[in-house]
Amino acid sequence: MFDIQEELKKLPGKPGVYIMHDEKDNIIYVGKAISLKNRVRQYFQSSRNKGAKIEQMVTHIRRFEYIVTDSELEALVLECNLIKEYRPKYNTMLMDDKAYPFIKVTVEEPFPRVMLARKMVKDKSKYFGPYTSAGAVKDTIELIRKLYQIRGCNRKLPRDIGKERPCLNYHIHQCKAPCQGYISQEEYRESVNEVIHFLNGNYDIILKELEERMEEASEALEFEKAIEYRELLTSVQKIAQKQKITDTAGEDRDILAVAVEEEEAVVQVFFIRGGRLIGRDHFYLKIAKGETQSEILSSFIKQFYAGTPYIPPRLMLPEEIEDLAVIEEWLTKRRGHRVRLIVPKKGTKEKLVELAKKNAQLVLSTDKERLKREEGRTIGAVKELEKLLGLTGIVRMEAYDISNTNG
């Protein structure tokens, strides 16, 4: 049985999302927290004035689960995804995706632009985000234009080169005026590549550069300029908390990670559908002493995806596994389309794998006893029946209630 008071003691003081279940195991509420420990406990404290709706909801809670994130911003986007997926009874529907803007780089154009976009569409552009702060996005785009002088106008280039005078952005050094032919397409593309490098999360160089400019302006007694750099520095720091929870590629994929402790292991799977993390599950495994993570993952994939009704086109793993090519071929045949097993080395995908690993480690350390009990009721029960019946290798059992056939 799920002991709520005991489980409350195990909650980590980290940001994340908590999920409340009722007696039928339906999801009835999803919420986010800066500290899971503090927030979830509040629901079960009788002294707090929670309001009629929450008071009623608490009476139906039979168990809860949680997903740890790296920041409250990530928790917010994940909360939105889960509410849209499960539509819990006691949740108020959050705002539409238009509240979460993207940064769009029109890489398909000869002279790409950087702009804010409210929706992500399949137009060959690169999208970064979504972000929860539109103001920070606008400040970052302004910063990009100041540092890299990338255009934001709607002129069709190179068709319109030389047709009109350069705009104000050229004169205030926020554009290199490709509309006048003042910069070659190759040089301009180099600047765009630096912008993409920055938007991919490589902030250290720019943060250092802004700090140096701020200090130089301050030493030169140019305090207004120093304040401007300080504000831009703050905006970049906000953007540095960019969401990892939503994948802008819009693809289906599973993120797998494993945590190991002696002869026990937990595999955590994040399910991403349509680019959104819509749920997760963890699986307790009894392993041989000394078994490697690669071997554990290989065994898990073969067992889990042999029975799951849907196989996504991508599985993201923390490391290479044995028989990778053979397993890929097997999964491809089961799916009917190409399936790839990928070990991401950098960027958002790698951070998602790291996040899955953190959750696996947390499950292994806090839920070990509960997982053992669950295993005892399932695998342990099968083994006990095998012993009683004198059988081995049972893979399927059927039970029939015959009380109505003879009295």
Protein backbone atom coordinates (compact mmCIF):
# COMPACT_ATOMS: atom_id res chain seq x y z
CA MET A 1 0.00 0.00 0.00
CA PHE A 2 1.08 3.58 -0.69
CA ASP A 3 1.75 5.27 2.68
CA ILE A 4 1.34 8.99 1.98
CA GLN A 5 3.07 10.14 5.19
CA GLU A 6 6.07 7.89 4.52
CA GLU A 7 6.29 9.04 0.89
CA LEU A 8 6.14 12.70 1.98
CA LYS A 9 9.34 12.16 3.96
CA LYS A 10 11.14 11.02 0.78
CA LEU A 11 10.28 14.10 -1.29
CA PRO A 12 13.36 16.00 -2.53
CA GLY A 13 13.76 19.75 -2.00
CA LYS A 14 14.14 20.25 -5.77
CA PRO A 15 11.99 21.81 -8.49
CA GLY A 16 9.68 19.53 -10.42
CA VAL A 17 6.15 18.41 -11.19
CA TYR A 18 3.91 16.35 -8.90
CA ILE A 19 1.04 14.14 -10.07
CA MET A 20 -1.89 13.17 -7.83
CA HIS A 21 -3.81 9.89 -8.36
CA ASP A 22 -7.22 8.82 -7.01
CA GLU A 23 -8.45 5.41 -5.80
CA LYS A 24 -8.88 4.25 -9.43
CA ASP A 25 -5.35 5.47 -10.24
CA ASN A 26 -6.70 8.27 -12.46
CA ILE A 27 -4.60 11.45 -12.58
CA ILE A 28 -6.72 14.09 -10.82
CA TYR A 29 -4.20 16.93 -10.42
CA VAL A 30 -0.85 18.04 -11.84
CA GLY A 31 1.15 20.88 -10.30
CA LYS A 32 4.62 22.40 -10.31
CA ALA A 33 6.87 23.37 -7.45
CA ILE A 34 10.12 25.18 -6.73
CA SER A 35 10.58 22.67 -3.89
CA LEU A 36 8.63 19.42 -4.20
CA LYS A 37 9.15 18.69 -0.51
CA ASN A 38 7.57 21.96 0.65
CA ARG A 39 4.77 22.16 -1.93
CA VAL A 40 3.38 18.61 -1.81
CA ARG A 41 3.43 18.55 2.00
CA GLN A 42 1.12 21.59 2.09
CA TYR A 43 -1.76 19.55 0.67
CA PHE A 44 -1.72 17.21 3.66
CA GLN A 45 -1.35 19.82 6.44
CA SER A 46 -4.70 20.28 8.18
CA SER A 47 -3.79 23.73 9.51
CA ARG A 48 -3.56 25.32 6.06
CA ASN A 49 -6.53 27.06 4.41
CA LYS A 50 -6.54 25.31 1.03
CA GLY A 51 -9.92 26.29 -0.38
CA ALA A 52 -12.97 24.12 -1.11
CA LYS A 53 -11.70 22.62 -4.39
CA ILE A 54 -8.33 21.55 -2.98
CA GLU A 55 -9.95 20.28 0.24
CA GLN A 56 -12.22 18.07 -1.86
CA MET A 57 -9.35 16.92 -4.09
CA VAL A 58 -7.19 15.89 -1.11
CA THR A 59 -9.90 13.49 0.08
CA HIS A 60 -9.54 11.57 -3.20
CA ILE A 61 -5.73 11.36 -3.29
CA ARG A 62 -4.49 7.80 -2.82
CA ARG A 63 -0.96 8.22 -4.13
CA PHE A 64 1.29 10.75 -5.82
CA GLU A 65 4.38 10.68 -8.03
CA TYR A 66 6.79 13.35 -9.17
CA ILE A 67 9.32 14.23 -11.88
CA VAL A 68 12.38 16.25 -10.89
CA THR A 69 13.48 19.06 -13.22
CA ASP A 70 16.48 21.40 -13.29
CA SER A 71 14.47 24.62 -12.89
CA GLU A 72 11.02 25.97 -12.18
CA LEU A 73 10.78 27.06 -15.82
CA GLU A 74 11.17 23.47 -16.96
CA ALA A 75 8.56 22.41 -14.41
CA LEU A 76 6.13 24.98 -15.78
CA VAL A 77 6.35 23.72 -19.36
CA LEU A 78 6.18 20.07 -18.24
CA GLU A 79 3.13 20.86 -16.10
CA CYS A 80 1.43 22.38 -19.14
CA ASN A 81 2.24 19.35 -21.28
CA LEU A 82 0.89 16.88 -18.72
CA ILE A 83 -2.30 18.84 -18.09
CA LYS A 84 -3.02 18.97 -21.83
CA GLU A 85 -2.32 15.25 -22.13
CA TYR A 86 -4.36 14.00 -19.14
CA ARG A 87 -6.84 16.88 -18.48
CA PRO A 88 -6.97 16.22 -14.72
CA LYS A 89 -10.30 16.84 -12.98
CA TYR A 90 -9.00 19.41 -10.48
CA ASN A 91 -6.72 21.39 -12.81
CA THR A 92 -7.57 24.67 -14.46
CA MET A 93 -6.45 24.53 -18.11
CA LEU A 94 -3.35 26.64 -18.66
CA MET A 95 -2.76 29.17 -21.40
CA ASP A 96 -2.26 28.12 -25.00
CA ASP A 97 1.17 27.64 -26.57
CA LYS A 98 1.10 31.22 -27.86
CA ALA A 99 2.14 32.23 -24.34
CA TYR A 100 5.44 30.45 -24.94
CA PRO A 101 7.35 32.22 -27.71
CA PHE A 102 10.17 30.84 -29.83
CA ILE A 103 13.24 32.45 -31.36
CA LYS A 104 13.22 31.79 -35.09
CA VAL A 105 16.28 31.87 -37.37
CA THR A 106 15.38 31.74 -41.07
CA VAL A 107 18.40 29.64 -42.04
CA GLU A 108 16.86 28.73 -45.41
CA GLU A 109 17.25 32.35 -46.62
CA PRO A 110 20.47 33.61 -48.26
CA PHE A 111 20.65 36.32 -45.55
CA PRO A 112 18.83 34.82 -42.54
CA ARG A 113 16.82 36.84 -40.02
CA VAL A 114 16.34 36.41 -36.26
CA MET A 115 12.85 37.06 -34.91
CA LEU A 116 10.26 36.14 -32.31
CA ALA A 117 7.69 33.53 -33.36
CA ARG A 118 4.51 32.56 -31.51
CA LYS A 119 4.18 29.18 -33.22
CA MET A 120 6.56 26.63 -34.65
CA VAL A 121 5.77 25.63 -38.23
CA LYS A 122 7.56 23.39 -40.72
CA ASP A 123 9.18 26.05 -42.88
CA LYS A 124 12.84 24.89 -42.79
CA SER A 125 13.71 27.60 -40.23
CA LYS A 126 15.50 26.79 -36.96
CA TYR A 127 13.38 27.29 -33.83
CA PHE A 128 14.73 27.69 -30.31
CA GLY A 129 12.51 27.42 -27.24
CA PRO A 130 9.77 27.63 -26.22
CA TYR A 131 10.57 30.21 -23.57
CA THR A 132 8.29 31.29 -20.74
CA SER A 133 9.41 34.93 -20.78
CA ALA A 134 8.54 36.91 -23.93
CA GLY A 135 10.37 39.94 -22.53
CA ALA A 136 13.59 37.98 -22.13
CA VAL A 137 13.24 36.66 -25.68
CA LYS A 138 12.87 40.20 -27.06
CA ASP A 139 15.86 41.37 -25.03
CA THR A 140 17.92 38.44 -26.31
CA ILE A 141 16.99 39.17 -29.92
CA GLU A 142 18.02 42.78 -29.32
CA LEU A 143 21.27 41.54 -27.80
CA ILE A 144 21.90 39.27 -30.80
CA ARG A 145 21.42 42.22 -33.13
CA LYS A 146 23.81 44.36 -31.11
CA LEU A 147 26.49 41.69 -30.92
CA TYR A 148 26.16 40.02 -34.33
CA GLN A 149 24.29 42.71 -36.32
CA ILE A 150 21.78 40.29 -37.85
CA ARG A 151 18.87 41.80 -39.78
CA GLY A 152 15.22 41.57 -38.74
CA CYS A 153 13.56 43.31 -41.71
CA ASN A 154 11.25 41.75 -44.32
CA ARG A 155 13.29 42.72 -47.40
CA LYS A 156 13.78 39.96 -49.96
CA LEU A 157 17.51 39.50 -50.34
CA PRO A 158 19.50 39.34 -52.54
CA ARG A 159 16.67 40.47 -54.87
CA ASP A 160 16.25 43.86 -53.16
CA ILE A 161 19.92 44.73 -52.64
CA GLY A 162 20.49 48.47 -53.32
CA LYS A 163 16.81 49.28 -53.96
CA GLU A 164 16.34 51.31 -50.76
CA ARG A 165 18.49 53.15 -48.27
CA PRO A 166 19.72 51.22 -45.22
CA CYS A 167 17.36 51.47 -42.25
CA LEU A 168 18.03 52.95 -38.82
CA ASN A 169 19.43 49.65 -37.48
CA TYR A 170 22.46 50.06 -39.74
CA HIS A 171 23.17 53.55 -38.38
CA ILE A 172 22.92 52.41 -34.73
CA HIS A 173 25.17 49.41 -35.47
CA GLN A 174 22.52 46.71 -35.11
CA CYS A 175 22.68 45.51 -38.72
CA LYS A 176 25.51 45.14 -41.24
CA ALA A 177 23.22 46.26 -44.08
CA PRO A 178 23.29 43.22 -46.38
CA CYS A 179 20.54 45.14 -48.22
CA GLN A 180 23.31 47.43 -49.51
CA GLY A 181 25.83 44.72 -50.26
CA TYR A 182 28.07 45.94 -47.41
CA ILE A 183 28.72 42.34 -46.29
CA SER A 184 29.13 39.16 -48.34
CA GLN A 185 26.80 36.21 -47.99
CA GLU A 186 29.66 34.08 -46.62
CA GLU A 187 30.63 36.60 -43.90
CA TYR A 188 26.99 37.08 -42.97
CA ARG A 189 26.50 33.30 -42.69
CA GLU A 190 29.44 33.13 -40.24
CA SER A 191 27.64 35.60 -37.97
CA VAL A 192 24.45 33.55 -38.23
CA ASN A 193 26.36 30.41 -37.22
CA GLU A 194 27.63 32.24 -34.13
CA VAL A 195 24.04 33.20 -33.28
CA ILE A 196 22.95 29.54 -33.57
CA HIS A 197 25.90 28.53 -31.38
CA PHE A 198 24.69 31.00 -28.76
CA LEU A 199 21.04 29.90 -28.98
CA ASN A 200 22.11 26.26 -28.61
CA GLY A 201 23.13 27.13 -25.07
CA ASN A 202 26.75 28.22 -25.38
CA TYR A 203 26.44 31.36 -23.26
CA ASP A 204 29.80 31.53 -21.49
CA ILE A 205 31.64 33.55 -24.15
CA ILE A 206 28.87 36.14 -24.44
CA LEU A 207 28.36 36.42 -20.69
CA LYS A 208 32.06 37.04 -20.25
CA GLU A 209 32.08 39.59 -23.08
CA LEU A 210 29.13 41.47 -21.59
CA GLU A 211 30.75 41.54 -18.14
CA GLU A 212 33.93 42.97 -19.67
CA ARG A 213 31.99 45.62 -21.60
CA MET A 214 30.04 46.55 -18.47
CA GLU A 215 33.24 46.94 -16.43
CA GLU A 216 34.92 48.95 -19.21
CA ALA A 217 31.93 51.30 -19.47
CA SER A 218 31.86 51.72 -15.70
CA GLU A 219 35.58 52.51 -15.53
CA ALA A 220 35.11 55.06 -18.33
CA LEU A 221 32.29 56.65 -16.26
CA GLU A 222 29.76 55.75 -18.98
CA PHE A 223 27.20 54.62 -16.43
CA GLU A 224 24.17 54.60 -18.75
CA LYS A 225 25.97 52.23 -21.10
CA ALA A 226 27.09 50.10 -18.11
CA ILE A 227 23.46 49.82 -16.96
CA GLU A 228 22.43 48.79 -20.48
CA TYR A 229 25.02 45.99 -20.51
CA ARG A 230 23.94 44.92 -17.02
CA GLU A 231 20.31 44.63 -18.14
CA LEU A 232 21.31 42.65 -21.24
CA LEU A 233 23.46 40.41 -19.03
CA THR A 234 20.42 39.71 -16.83
CA SER A 235 18.32 38.89 -19.90
CA VAL A 236 20.88 36.39 -21.18
CA GLN A 237 21.02 34.75 -17.75
CA LYS A 238 17.23 34.31 -17.91
CA ILE A 239 17.47 32.82 -21.39
CA ALA A 240 20.20 30.49 -20.10
CA GLN A 241 17.40 28.67 -18.25
CA LYS A 242 15.98 27.61 -21.64
CA GLN A 243 13.53 24.72 -21.56
CA LYS A 244 14.83 21.21 -22.07
CA ILE A 245 11.41 19.70 -21.43
CA THR A 246 10.00 20.52 -24.87
CA ASP A 247 11.88 19.39 -27.95
CA THR A 248 11.43 21.79 -30.87
CA ALA A 249 12.02 19.06 -33.45
CA GLY A 250 8.44 17.92 -32.80
CA GLU A 251 9.38 14.24 -33.04
CA ASP A 252 8.41 11.11 -31.12
CA ARG A 253 11.23 9.60 -29.10
CA ASP A 254 11.90 7.77 -25.85
CA ILE A 255 14.66 8.92 -23.50
CA LEU A 256 16.22 6.08 -21.47
CA ALA A 257 18.58 6.17 -18.51
CA VAL A 258 19.62 3.72 -15.82
CA ALA A 259 20.74 3.94 -12.20
CA VAL A 260 22.56 1.01 -10.59
CA GLU A 261 23.25 0.09 -6.96
CA GLU A 262 24.86 -3.29 -6.26
CA GLU A 263 22.36 -5.91 -7.52
CA GLU A 264 19.52 -3.50 -8.17
CA ALA A 265 18.79 -1.11 -11.03
CA VAL A 266 16.10 1.30 -12.16
CA VAL A 267 15.52 2.22 -15.80
CA GLN A 268 13.74 5.54 -16.32
CA VAL A 269 11.91 6.18 -19.61
CA PHE A 270 10.69 9.63 -20.69
CA PHE A 271 8.01 9.45 -23.40
CA ILE A 272 8.20 12.36 -25.87
CA ARG A 273 5.33 12.57 -28.34
CA GLY A 274 5.02 15.35 -30.89
CA GLY A 275 8.01 17.05 -29.27
CA ARG A 276 6.40 17.11 -25.81
CA LEU A 277 7.34 15.18 -22.71
CA ILE A 278 3.90 13.74 -21.91
CA GLY A 279 4.87 11.18 -19.27
CA ARG A 280 7.43 8.85 -17.80
CA ASP A 281 7.74 5.46 -16.19
CA HIS A 282 10.40 3.62 -14.23
CA PHE A 283 11.18 -0.07 -14.09
CA TYR A 284 12.87 -1.98 -11.31
CA LEU A 285 15.36 -4.64 -12.36
CA LYS A 286 17.18 -7.32 -10.40
CA ILE A 287 20.65 -7.62 -11.92
CA ALA A 288 23.76 -9.73 -11.55
CA LYS A 289 26.57 -8.22 -9.53
CA GLY A 290 29.02 -6.42 -11.78
CA GLU A 291 26.60 -6.11 -14.70
CA THR A 292 27.34 -2.96 -16.70
CA GLN A 293 24.86 -0.20 -17.54
CA SER A 294 25.26 -1.07 -21.21
CA GLU A 295 24.24 -4.68 -20.56
CA ILE A 296 21.30 -3.60 -18.39
CA LEU A 297 20.00 -1.21 -21.06
CA SER A 298 20.39 -3.83 -23.78
CA SER A 299 18.38 -6.40 -21.78
CA PHE A 300 15.73 -3.84 -20.86
CA ILE A 301 15.21 -2.64 -24.46
CA LYS A 302 14.74 -6.19 -25.72
CA GLN A 303 12.24 -7.03 -22.98
CA PHE A 304 10.31 -3.75 -22.88
CA TYR A 305 9.96 -3.12 -26.63
CA ALA A 306 8.99 -6.72 -27.29
CA GLY A 307 5.69 -6.02 -25.59
CA THR A 308 5.03 -2.29 -25.94
CA PRO A 309 2.36 -1.39 -28.55
CA TYR A 310 4.26 1.62 -29.93
CA ILE A 311 7.93 2.05 -30.79
CA PRO A 312 9.10 5.61 -31.58
CA PRO A 313 11.58 6.26 -34.40
CA ARG A 314 14.31 7.35 -31.94
CA LEU A 315 15.58 5.96 -28.66
CA MET A 316 18.01 8.26 -26.82
CA LEU A 317 20.50 6.40 -24.61
CA PRO A 318 23.19 7.53 -22.15
CA GLU A 319 25.82 5.22 -23.70
CA GLU A 320 26.41 2.69 -26.46
CA ILE A 321 24.89 -0.75 -25.90
CA GLU A 322 25.85 -4.22 -27.01
CA ASP A 323 24.41 -5.54 -30.27
CA LEU A 324 23.25 -2.06 -31.22
CA ALA A 325 22.96 -2.78 -34.96
CA VAL A 326 21.04 -6.02 -34.36
CA ILE A 327 18.65 -4.38 -31.90
CA GLU A 328 18.07 -1.50 -34.33
CA GLU A 329 17.22 -3.98 -37.07
CA TRP A 330 14.86 -5.87 -34.76
CA LEU A 331 13.07 -2.69 -33.63
CA THR A 332 12.80 -1.51 -37.24
CA LYS A 333 11.08 -4.74 -38.22
CA ARG A 334 8.69 -4.49 -35.27
CA ARG A 335 7.85 -0.86 -36.03
CA GLY A 336 7.73 -1.23 -39.80
CA HIS A 337 9.87 1.90 -40.22
CA ARG A 338 13.46 2.82 -39.40
CA VAL A 339 14.32 3.00 -35.69
CA ARG A 340 17.62 4.46 -34.50
CA LEU A 341 19.37 4.17 -31.15
CA ILE A 342 21.30 7.39 -30.50
CA VAL A 343 23.70 8.51 -27.78
CA PRO A 344 23.50 12.34 -27.78
CA LYS A 345 26.80 14.07 -27.05
CA LYS A 346 25.69 17.67 -26.56
CA GLY A 347 22.77 20.07 -26.49
CA THR A 348 19.17 19.60 -25.40
CA LYS A 349 19.04 15.85 -26.13
CA GLU A 350 22.02 15.13 -23.89
CA LYS A 351 20.47 17.23 -21.11
CA LEU A 352 17.23 15.25 -21.39
CA VAL A 353 19.17 12.01 -20.96
CA GLU A 354 20.91 13.54 -17.90
CA LEU A 355 17.52 14.53 -16.51
CA ALA A 356 16.20 10.98 -16.96
CA LYS A 357 19.28 9.65 -15.16
CA LYS A 358 18.72 12.03 -12.23
CA ASN A 359 15.15 10.77 -11.89
CA ALA A 360 16.30 7.13 -12.11
CA GLN A 361 18.84 7.71 -9.34
CA LEU A 362 16.21 9.43 -7.22
CA VAL A 363 13.76 6.53 -7.66
CA LEU A 364 16.47 4.01 -6.78
CA SER A 365 17.51 5.85 -3.61
CA THR A 366 14.06 6.82 -2.26
CA ASP A 367 11.71 4.13 -3.56
CA LYS A 368 13.88 1.05 -3.22
CA GLU A 369 11.74 -0.66 -0.57
CA ARG A 370 8.46 0.06 -2.33
CA LEU A 371 9.85 -1.22 -5.62
CA LYS A 372 10.95 -4.42 -3.89
CA ARG A 373 7.42 -4.95 -2.58
CA GLU A 374 5.99 -4.36 -6.07
CA GLU A 375 8.43 -6.87 -7.52
CA GLY A 376 7.45 -9.37 -4.83
CA ARG A 377 3.79 -9.09 -5.81
CA THR A 378 4.54 -9.66 -9.50
CA ILE A 379 7.75 -11.48 -10.46
CA GLY A 380 8.12 -12.89 -6.95
CA ALA A 381 4.59 -14.29 -7.02
CA VAL A 382 5.19 -15.98 -10.38
CA LYS A 383 8.36 -17.62 -9.08
CA GLU A 384 6.51 -18.85 -5.99
CA LEU A 385 3.77 -20.39 -8.16
CA GLU A 386 6.40 -22.01 -10.37
CA LYS A 387 7.92 -23.65 -7.30
CA LEU A 388 4.55 -24.84 -5.94
CA LEU A 389 3.51 -26.27 -9.32
CA GLY A 390 6.89 -27.78 -10.09
CA LEU A 391 7.20 -25.77 -13.31
CA THR A 392 9.85 -23.50 -14.81
CA GLY A 393 9.82 -20.63 -17.31
CA ILE A 394 6.19 -19.53 -16.93
CA VAL A 395 5.55 -16.58 -19.26
CA ARG A 396 1.72 -16.51 -19.24
CA MET A 397 -0.95 -17.41 -16.68
CA GLU A 398 -4.75 -17.39 -16.91
CA ALA A 399 -7.20 -17.57 -13.99
CA TYR A 400 -10.92 -18.39 -14.09
CA ASP A 401 -13.58 -17.77 -11.49
CA ILE A 402 -15.70 -20.99 -11.49
CA SER A 403 -17.89 -20.14 -8.47
CA ASN A 404 -20.96 -19.88 -10.72
CA THR A 405 -20.66 -23.37 -12.27
CA ASN A 406 -21.40 -25.59 -9.27
CA GLY A 407 -23.09 -23.92 -6.34
